[in-house]
Amino acid sequence: MRIPPDLRQVLISVASISAFAVLLVFNLTYLIYVYIGGTFVVLIGYSVYRTSKMIPVLKQNGKEAERIKKEYKDKILHRETAKDTQPFFVDYEREKIALSKKILVLTMIPLFIVIVLYAGIPFILKFALKETLSRIQIVELYILSAFASVGASLVIRRRMGLNMATMTAGTQLVHAPKAYIVTEKGVLFDPPMKIQGVDISVLKFPVKISRVEEERGFIEIESKDPATPTQIKVVRLYSKNPTKLLSVIKNYSKEPEQTEFSMVKQ
């Protein structure tokens, strides 16, 4: 059974808090430094591991995209250039700024809770009331502040509509290529990041049409292929004529649940 990302984060946080609390109880100062250092090493190692697993998948996708581009160069169903989509990217940049503000709030409020509880309370007690907490009380305060921070993070993320799975993958805001072409096999576009040997990416048909906003001039499509790289699993396509674009994609990406798809207007 696969553990949901939010629950997995809570379990990891609880394990981390418990381990650190044990070290504090026994006053194992040198082990605390080892623990902190080891945590950073693990996080950096995991980041390197994810990158190493991601690059070959993106390169394979790039090779497939080059093949499709060559075979279907005379069978382009729809094309949008950077000049066509440029007016819509003000909307996209505005959305990126709004997301950045949400992530900043998500980062700062839990940190503020830790500072207030774990650092602020002992400071107030010592200098205002002339009381000093025992080691056990400090450990209890640490556990309280850590769990309060984790809880606040979960609540804020849910209230803001931030999904842990996509945030972990770095895809909370879907990739929106500035130029793309649609063929019978899928949508070809510039890759979301610069990788040597990858000049083009493809989101192959069939796809799920997950979102359409006509007034904002875009549709979002989601890959049905589990082998699709996470960075391009969902792609936003801006267009001067999203109705026509939607029609083209639906004609070459038959999905039963999309037959009565209705456009969202805001």
Foldseek 3Di string as FASTA:
>chain_A
DDDFLLVVVVVVLVVLLVVLLVCLVVVVVVVNVVSVVVVVVVVVVVVVVVVVVQQVLLLVQLVVLVVCCVVCVVFFPDKAALVFCVVLCVVVVVVVVVVVVLVVCLPPPLVVLQCCQLPVVQVCCCPPVVDHDDSNVSSVSNSVSSVVSSVVSVVSCVVVVNGSVCVVVVQSDAAEASIWIAGLFFIKGADPDDDPNRGIGTQGADWAFDAAEVVSAWTKTAHPDPSRRSNHRIYIYGGPGVVSVVVVNCVSHPDVVCPPDDHDYD
